[in-house]
Amino acid sequence: MSEFDIQKHMLVPKHEIMTEDEILTEFADVDYNFKNLPKIKVDDPVADSIGARPGDVLRITRESQTAGVFVTYRIVEQ
């Protein structure tokens, strides 16, 4: 049986693990600590498929008919 790649499903937005430099740049001008971002569980199927670990910050990019491209962020937790 072949393994299903969840990231290729049309309803799953693109998830990427951000580098330390990307995190520092992206959150340099905000009034909150990036560690207070909404959470995503380490065993979430997409987080698991990209090898995310607790403490990683994920960039989630969605296509939107009204907004064009919409980017959100999540921090991985146990």
PDB file of N, CA and C in Angstrom:
ATOM      1  N   MET A   1       0.846  -1.174   0.000  1.00  0.00           N
ATOM      2  CA  MET A   1       0.000   0.000   0.000  1.00  0.00           C
ATOM      3  C   MET A   1       0.895   1.242   0.000  1.00  0.00           C
ATOM      4  N   SER A   2       0.575   2.232  -0.822  1.00  0.00           N
ATOM      5  CA  SER A   2       1.383   3.456  -0.874  1.00  0.00           C
ATOM      6  C   SER A   2       0.961   4.398   0.248  1.00  0.00           C
ATOM      7  N   GLU A   3       1.930   5.168   0.734  1.00  0.00           N
ATOM      8  CA  GLU A   3       1.657   6.109   1.807  1.00  0.00           C
ATOM      9  C   GLU A   3       1.105   7.397   1.208  1.00  0.00           C
ATOM     10  N   PHE A   4       0.056   7.935   1.807  1.00  0.00           N
ATOM     11  CA  PHE A   4      -0.597   9.151   1.339  1.00  0.00           C
ATOM     12  C   PHE A   4       0.174  10.374   1.830  1.00  0.00           C
ATOM     13  N   ASP A   5       0.498  11.303   0.939  1.00  0.00           N
ATOM     14  CA  ASP A   5       1.176  12.553   1.312  1.00  0.00           C
ATOM     15  C   ASP A   5       0.113  13.613   1.565  1.00  0.00           C
ATOM     16  N   ILE A   6      -0.135  13.891   2.837  1.00  0.00           N
ATOM     17  CA  ILE A   6      -1.204  14.812   3.227  1.00  0.00           C
ATOM     18  C   ILE A   6      -0.995  16.215   2.659  1.00  0.00           C
ATOM     19  N   GLN A   7       0.254  16.606   2.440  1.00  0.00           N
ATOM     20  CA  GLN A   7       0.513  17.956   1.935  1.00  0.00           C
ATOM     21  C   GLN A   7       0.108  18.135   0.472  1.00  0.00           C
ATOM     22  N   LYS A   8      -0.106  17.061  -0.219  1.00  0.00           N
ATOM     23  CA  LYS A   8      -0.530  17.167  -1.622  1.00  0.00           C
ATOM     24  C   LYS A   8      -2.051  17.248  -1.767  1.00  0.00           C
ATOM     25  N   HIS A   9      -2.776  17.120  -0.644  1.00  0.00           N
ATOM     26  CA  HIS A   9      -4.237  17.210  -0.697  1.00  0.00           C
ATOM     27  C   HIS A   9      -4.644  18.652  -0.972  1.00  0.00           C
ATOM     28  N   MET A  10      -5.629  18.845  -1.834  1.00  0.00           N
ATOM     29  CA  MET A  10      -6.027  20.187  -2.260  1.00  0.00           C
ATOM     30  C   MET A  10      -6.576  21.065  -1.134  1.00  0.00           C
ATOM     31  N   LEU A  11      -7.033  20.492  -0.049  1.00  0.00           N
ATOM     32  CA  LEU A  11      -7.588  21.278   1.050  1.00  0.00           C
ATOM     33  C   LEU A  11      -6.577  21.589   2.157  1.00  0.00           C
ATOM     34  N   VAL A  12      -5.356  21.085   2.023  1.00  0.00           N
ATOM     35  CA  VAL A  12      -4.330  21.310   3.045  1.00  0.00           C
ATOM     36  C   VAL A  12      -3.420  22.446   2.584  1.00  0.00           C
ATOM     37  N   PRO A  13      -3.379  23.554   3.360  1.00  0.00           N
ATOM     38  CA  PRO A  13      -2.504  24.665   2.976  1.00  0.00           C
ATOM     39  C   PRO A  13      -1.037  24.301   3.168  1.00  0.00           C
ATOM     40  N   LYS A  14      -0.170  25.072   2.548  1.00  0.00           N
ATOM     41  CA  LYS A  14       1.275  24.839   2.636  1.00  0.00           C
ATOM     42  C   LYS A  14       1.763  25.160   4.048  1.00  0.00           C
ATOM     43  N   HIS A  15       2.464  24.211   4.664  1.00  0.00           N
ATOM     44  CA  HIS A  15       3.066  24.384   5.990  1.00  0.00           C
ATOM     45  C   HIS A  15       4.577  24.335   5.835  1.00  0.00           C
ATOM     46  N   GLU A  16       5.280  25.296   6.460  1.00  0.00           N
ATOM     47  CA  GLU A  16       6.740  25.333   6.414  1.00  0.00           C
ATOM     48  C   GLU A  16       7.284  25.612   7.808  1.00  0.00           C
ATOM     49  N   ILE A  17       8.374  24.953   8.160  1.00  0.00           N
ATOM     50  CA  ILE A  17       9.067  25.253   9.409  1.00  0.00           C
ATOM     51  C   ILE A  17       9.953  26.466   9.141  1.00  0.00           C
ATOM     52  N   MET A  18       9.790  27.499   9.958  1.00  0.00           N
ATOM     53  CA  MET A  18      10.564  28.723   9.773  1.00  0.00           C
ATOM     54  C   MET A  18      11.957  28.581  10.397  1.00  0.00           C
ATOM     55  N   THR A  19      12.939  29.229   9.785  1.00  0.00           N
ATOM     56  CA  THR A  19      14.290  29.256  10.345  1.00  0.00           C
ATOM     57  C   THR A  19      14.328  30.302  11.462  1.00  0.00           C
ATOM     58  N   GLU A  20      15.363  30.247  12.266  1.00  0.00           N
ATOM     59  CA  GLU A  20      15.544  31.221  13.347  1.00  0.00           C
ATOM     60  C   GLU A  20      15.605  32.645  12.785  1.00  0.00           C
ATOM     61  N   ASP A  21      16.319  32.838  11.678  1.00  0.00           N
ATOM     62  CA  ASP A  21      16.414  34.165  11.055  1.00  0.00           C
ATOM     63  C   ASP A  21      15.058  34.648  10.555  1.00  0.00           C
ATOM     64  N   GLU A  22      14.275  33.761   9.946  1.00  0.00           N
ATOM     65  CA  GLU A  22      12.937  34.135   9.464  1.00  0.00           C
ATOM     66  C   GLU A  22      12.049  34.561  10.626  1.00  0.00           C
ATOM     67  N   ILE A  23      12.138  33.845  11.739  1.00  0.00           N
ATOM     68  CA  ILE A  23      11.326  34.177  12.919  1.00  0.00           C
ATOM     69  C   ILE A  23      11.707  35.557  13.439  1.00  0.00           C
ATOM     70  N   LEU A  24      13.001  35.807  13.582  1.00  0.00           N
ATOM     71  CA  LEU A  24      13.461  37.101  14.091  1.00  0.00           C
ATOM     72  C   LEU A  24      13.027  38.244  13.187  1.00  0.00           C
ATOM     73  N   THR A  25      13.129  38.048  11.884  1.00  0.00           N
ATOM     74  CA  THR A  25      12.734  39.081  10.924  1.00  0.00           C
ATOM     75  C   THR A  25      11.226  39.304  10.935  1.00  0.00           C
ATOM     76  N   GLU A  26      10.469  38.235  10.894  1.00  0.00           N
ATOM     77  CA  GLU A  26       9.005  38.324  10.797  1.00  0.00           C
ATOM     78  C   GLU A  26       8.373  38.953  12.030  1.00  0.00           C
ATOM     79  N   PHE A  27       8.915  38.650  13.205  1.00  0.00           N
ATOM     80  CA  PHE A  27       8.291  39.100  14.444  1.00  0.00           C
ATOM     81  C   PHE A  27       9.044  40.249  15.121  1.00  0.00           C
ATOM     82  N   ALA A  28       9.956  40.897  14.412  1.00  0.00           N
ATOM     83  CA  ALA A  28      10.753  41.989  14.987  1.00  0.00           C
ATOM     84  C   ALA A  28       9.903  43.204  15.335  1.00  0.00           C
ATOM     85  N   ASP A  29       8.885  43.482  14.551  1.00  0.00           N
ATOM     86  CA  ASP A  29       8.112  44.712  14.726  1.00  0.00           C
ATOM     87  C   ASP A  29       6.725  44.501  15.319  1.00  0.00           C
ATOM     88  N   VAL A  30       6.515  43.402  16.008  1.00  0.00           N
ATOM     89  CA  VAL A  30       5.200  43.156  16.605  1.00  0.00           C
ATOM     90  C   VAL A  30       5.269  43.367  18.110  1.00  0.00           C
ATOM     91  N   ASP A  31       4.117  43.643  18.719  1.00  0.00           N
ATOM     92  CA  ASP A  31       4.055  43.944  20.149  1.00  0.00           C
ATOM     93  C   ASP A  31       3.759  42.717  21.015  1.00  0.00           C
ATOM     94  N   TYR A  32       4.078  41.543  20.523  1.00  0.00           N
ATOM     95  CA  TYR A  32       3.865  40.329  21.315  1.00  0.00           C
ATOM     96  C   TYR A  32       4.999  39.356  21.042  1.00  0.00           C
ATOM     97  N   ASN A  33       5.171  38.432  21.945  1.00  0.00           N
ATOM     98  CA  ASN A  33       6.200  37.408  21.821  1.00  0.00           C
ATOM     99  C   ASN A  33       5.691  36.304  20.902  1.00  0.00           C
ATOM    100  N   PHE A  34       6.489  35.893  19.933  1.00  0.00           N
ATOM    101  CA  PHE A  34       6.048  34.849  19.000  1.00  0.00           C
ATOM    102  C   PHE A  34       5.708  33.552  19.726  1.00  0.00           C
ATOM    103  N   LYS A  35       6.193  33.380  20.943  1.00  0.00           N
ATOM    104  CA  LYS A  35       5.878  32.161  21.700  1.00  0.00           C
ATOM    105  C   LYS A  35       4.416  32.135  22.133  1.00  0.00           C
ATOM    106  N   ASN A  36       3.700  33.250  21.970  1.00  0.00           N
ATOM    107  CA  ASN A  36       2.277  33.324  22.291  1.00  0.00           C
ATOM    108  C   ASN A  36       1.390  33.092  21.066  1.00  0.00           C
ATOM    109  N   LEU A  37       1.982  32.632  19.976  1.00  0.00           N
ATOM    110  CA  LEU A  37       1.201  32.327  18.772  1.00  0.00           C
ATOM    111  C   LEU A  37       0.206  31.210  19.057  1.00  0.00           C
ATOM    112  N   PRO A  38      -0.833  31.085  18.230  1.00  0.00           N
ATOM    113  CA  PRO A  38      -1.719  29.930  18.362  1.00  0.00           C
ATOM    114  C   PRO A  38      -0.899  28.644  18.232  1.00  0.00           C
ATOM    115  N   LYS A  39      -1.377  27.604  18.866  1.00  0.00           N
ATOM    116  CA  LYS A  39      -0.632  26.342  18.937  1.00  0.00           C
ATOM    117  C   LYS A  39      -1.081  25.348  17.864  1.00  0.00           C
ATOM    118  N   ILE A  40      -0.149  24.441  17.529  1.00  0.00           N
ATOM    119  CA  ILE A  40      -0.461  23.278  16.707  1.00  0.00           C
ATOM    120  C   ILE A  40       0.247  22.107  17.384  1.00  0.00           C
ATOM    121  N   LYS A  41      -0.426  21.007  17.520  1.00  0.00           N
ATOM    122  CA  LYS A  41       0.136  19.848  18.207  1.00  0.00           C
ATOM    123  C   LYS A  41       1.215  19.190  17.356  1.00  0.00           C
ATOM    124  N   VAL A  42       2.256  18.698  18.017  1.00  0.00           N
ATOM    125  CA  VAL A  42       3.362  18.033  17.335  1.00  0.00           C
ATOM    126  C   VAL A  42       2.877  16.798  16.571  1.00  0.00           C
ATOM    127  N   ASP A  43       1.787  16.184  17.035  1.00  0.00           N
ATOM    128  CA  ASP A  43       1.272  14.996  16.357  1.00  0.00           C
ATOM    129  C   ASP A  43       0.167  15.306  15.349  1.00  0.00           C
ATOM    130  N   ASP A  44      -0.050  16.601  15.054  1.00  0.00           N
ATOM    131  CA  ASP A  44      -0.951  16.983  13.968  1.00  0.00           C
ATOM    132  C   ASP A  44      -0.414  16.323  12.694  1.00  0.00           C
ATOM    133  N   PRO A  45      -1.283  15.760  11.861  1.00  0.00           N
ATOM    134  CA  PRO A  45      -0.796  15.043  10.681  1.00  0.00           C
ATOM    135  C   PRO A  45       0.149  15.844   9.780  1.00  0.00           C
ATOM    136  N   VAL A  46      -0.120  17.128   9.570  1.00  0.00           N
ATOM    137  CA  VAL A  46       0.764  17.919   8.706  1.00  0.00           C
ATOM    138  C   VAL A  46       2.064  18.239   9.435  1.00  0.00           C
ATOM    139  N   ALA A  47       1.982  18.639  10.699  1.00  0.00           N
ATOM    140  CA  ALA A  47       3.199  18.923  11.471  1.00  0.00           C
ATOM    141  C   ALA A  47       4.087  17.688  11.515  1.00  0.00           C
ATOM    142  N   ASP A  48       3.484  16.539  11.723  1.00  0.00           N
ATOM    143  CA  ASP A  48       4.234  15.281  11.757  1.00  0.00           C
ATOM    144  C   ASP A  48       4.881  15.001  10.400  1.00  0.00           C
ATOM    145  N   SER A  49       4.148  15.263   9.323  1.00  0.00           N
ATOM    146  CA  SER A  49       4.664  14.934   7.987  1.00  0.00           C
ATOM    147  C   SER A  49       5.863  15.791   7.575  1.00  0.00           C
ATOM    148  N   ILE A  50       5.988  17.003   8.153  1.00  0.00           N
ATOM    149  CA  ILE A  50       7.132  17.856   7.806  1.00  0.00           C
ATOM    150  C   ILE A  50       8.248  17.782   8.847  1.00  0.00           C
ATOM    151  N   GLY A  51       8.047  16.961   9.877  1.00  0.00           N
ATOM    152  CA  GLY A  51       9.090  16.773  10.888  1.00  0.00           C
ATOM    153  C   GLY A  51       9.180  17.897  11.907  1.00  0.00           C
ATOM    154  N   ALA A  52       8.061  18.593  12.138  1.00  0.00           N
ATOM    155  CA  ALA A  52       8.056  19.686  13.109  1.00  0.00           C
ATOM    156  C   ALA A  52       8.239  19.142  14.525  1.00  0.00           C
ATOM    157  N   ARG A  53       8.954  19.933  15.344  1.00  0.00           N
ATOM    158  CA  ARG A  53       9.203  19.551  16.728  1.00  0.00           C
ATOM    159  C   ARG A  53       8.720  20.659  17.660  1.00  0.00           C
ATOM    160  N   PRO A  54       8.468  20.337  18.924  1.00  0.00           N
ATOM    161  CA  PRO A  54       8.019  21.372  19.862  1.00  0.00           C
ATOM    162  C   PRO A  54       8.964  22.575  19.847  1.00  0.00           C
ATOM    163  N   GLY A  55       8.352  23.770  19.795  1.00  0.00           N
ATOM    164  CA  GLY A  55       9.121  25.011  19.741  1.00  0.00           C
ATOM    165  C   GLY A  55       9.301  25.552  18.338  1.00  0.00           C
ATOM    166  N   ASP A  56       9.115  24.707  17.313  1.00  0.00           N
ATOM    167  CA  ASP A  56       9.201  25.187  15.931  1.00  0.00           C
ATOM    168  C   ASP A  56       8.044  26.136  15.649  1.00  0.00           C
ATOM    169  N   VAL A  57       8.280  27.103  14.769  1.00  0.00           N
ATOM    170  CA  VAL A  57       7.223  28.000  14.307  1.00  0.00           C
ATOM    171  C   VAL A  57       6.918  27.629  12.862  1.00  0.00           C
ATOM    172  N   LEU A  58       5.638  27.424  12.574  1.00  0.00           N
ATOM    173  CA  LEU A  58       5.207  27.063  11.225  1.00  0.00           C
ATOM    174  C   LEU A  58       4.578  28.264  10.541  1.00  0.00           C
ATOM    175  N   ARG A  59       4.921  28.448   9.278  1.00  0.00           N
ATOM    176  CA  ARG A  59       4.268  29.431   8.410  1.00  0.00           C
ATOM    177  C   ARG A  59       3.255  28.644   7.591  1.00  0.00           C
ATOM    178  N   ILE A  60       1.993  29.046   7.655  1.00  0.00           N
ATOM    179  CA  ILE A  60       0.927  28.358   6.935  1.00  0.00           C
ATOM    180  C   ILE A  60       0.369  29.325   5.900  1.00  0.00           C
ATOM    181  N   THR A  61       0.489  28.959   4.632  1.00  0.00           N
ATOM    182  CA  THR A  61       0.089  29.832   3.531  1.00  0.00           C
ATOM    183  C   THR A  61      -1.129  29.245   2.843  1.00  0.00           C
ATOM    184  N   ARG A  62      -2.214  30.024   2.851  1.00  0.00           N
ATOM    185  CA  ARG A  62      -3.469  29.587   2.240  1.00  0.00           C
ATOM    186  C   ARG A  62      -3.794  30.467   1.041  1.00  0.00           C
ATOM    187  N   GLU A  63      -4.349  29.841   0.018  1.00  0.00           N
ATOM    188  CA  GLU A  63      -4.893  30.587  -1.115  1.00  0.00           C
ATOM    189  C   GLU A  63      -6.312  30.998  -0.729  1.00  0.00           C
ATOM    190  N   SER A  64      -6.679  32.237  -1.043  1.00  0.00           N
ATOM    191  CA  SER A  64      -8.002  32.743  -0.691  1.00  0.00           C
ATOM    192  C   SER A  64      -8.610  33.467  -1.884  1.00  0.00           C
ATOM    193  N   GLN A  65      -9.877  33.197  -2.139  1.00  0.00           N
ATOM    194  CA  GLN A  65     -10.550  33.877  -3.252  1.00  0.00           C
ATOM    195  C   GLN A  65     -10.718  35.362  -2.973  1.00  0.00           C
ATOM    196  N   THR A  66     -10.840  35.737  -1.716  1.00  0.00           N
ATOM    197  CA  THR A  66     -11.045  37.145  -1.382  1.00  0.00           C
ATOM    198  C   THR A  66      -9.754  37.870  -1.017  1.00  0.00           C
ATOM    199  N   ALA A  67      -8.821  37.183  -0.353  1.00  0.00           N
ATOM    200  CA  ALA A  67      -7.597  37.844   0.115  1.00  0.00           C
ATOM    201  C   ALA A  67      -6.391  37.548  -0.766  1.00  0.00           C
ATOM    202  N   GLY A  68      -6.527  36.661  -1.719  1.00  0.00           N
ATOM    203  CA  GLY A  68      -5.388  36.264  -2.548  1.00  0.00           C
ATOM    204  C   GLY A  68      -4.568  35.211  -1.828  1.00  0.00           C
ATOM    205  N   VAL A  69      -3.587  35.654  -1.068  1.00  0.00           N
ATOM    206  CA  VAL A  69      -2.767  34.747  -0.261  1.00  0.00           C
ATOM    207  C   VAL A  69      -2.866  35.209   1.182  1.00  0.00           C
ATOM    208  N   PHE A  70      -3.115  34.265   2.085  1.00  0.00           N
ATOM    209  CA  PHE A  70      -3.261  34.565   3.507  1.00  0.00           C
ATOM    210  C   PHE A  70      -2.257  33.723   4.287  1.00  0.00           C
ATOM    211  N   VAL A  71      -1.411  34.382   5.081  1.00  0.00           N
ATOM    212  CA  VAL A  71      -0.364  33.687   5.833  1.00  0.00           C
ATOM    213  C   VAL A  71      -0.673  33.758   7.326  1.00  0.00           C
ATOM    214  N   THR A  72      -0.608  32.613   7.999  1.00  0.00           N
ATOM    215  CA  THR A  72      -0.753  32.554   9.450  1.00  0.00           C
ATOM    216  C   THR A  72       0.442  31.814  10.029  1.00  0.00           C
ATOM    217  N   TYR A  73       0.573  31.887  11.332  1.00  0.00           N
ATOM    218  CA  TYR A  73       1.700  31.254  12.009  1.00  0.00           C
ATOM    219  C   TYR A  73       1.187  30.447  13.191  1.00  0.00           C
ATOM    220  N   ARG A  74       1.849  29.340  13.478  1.00  0.00           N
ATOM    221  CA  ARG A  74       1.535  28.494  14.628  1.00  0.00           C
ATOM    222  C   ARG A  74       2.837  28.047  15.264  1.00  0.00           C
ATOM    223  N   ILE A  75       2.807  27.870  16.584  1.00  0.00           N
ATOM    224  CA  ILE A  75       3.960  27.309  17.282  1.00  0.00           C
ATOM    225  C   ILE A  75       3.637  25.877  17.671  1.00  0.00           C
ATOM    226  N   VAL A  76       4.594  25.004  17.479  1.00  0.00           N
ATOM    227  CA  VAL A  76       4.386  23.571  17.732  1.00  0.00           C
ATOM    228  C   VAL A  76       4.556  23.287  19.218  1.00  0.00           C
ATOM    229  N   GLU A  77       3.598  22.539  19.768  1.00  0.00           N
ATOM    230  CA  GLU A  77       3.669  22.144  21.175  1.00  0.00           C
ATOM    231  C   GLU A  77       3.406  20.655  21.326  1.00  0.00           C
ATOM    232  N   GLN A  78       3.796  20.148  22.506  1.00  0.00           N
ATOM    233  CA  GLN A  78       3.565  18.725  22.811  1.00  0.00           C
ATOM    234  C   GLN A  78       2.105  18.507  22.782  1.00  0.00           C
TER     235      GLN A  78
END
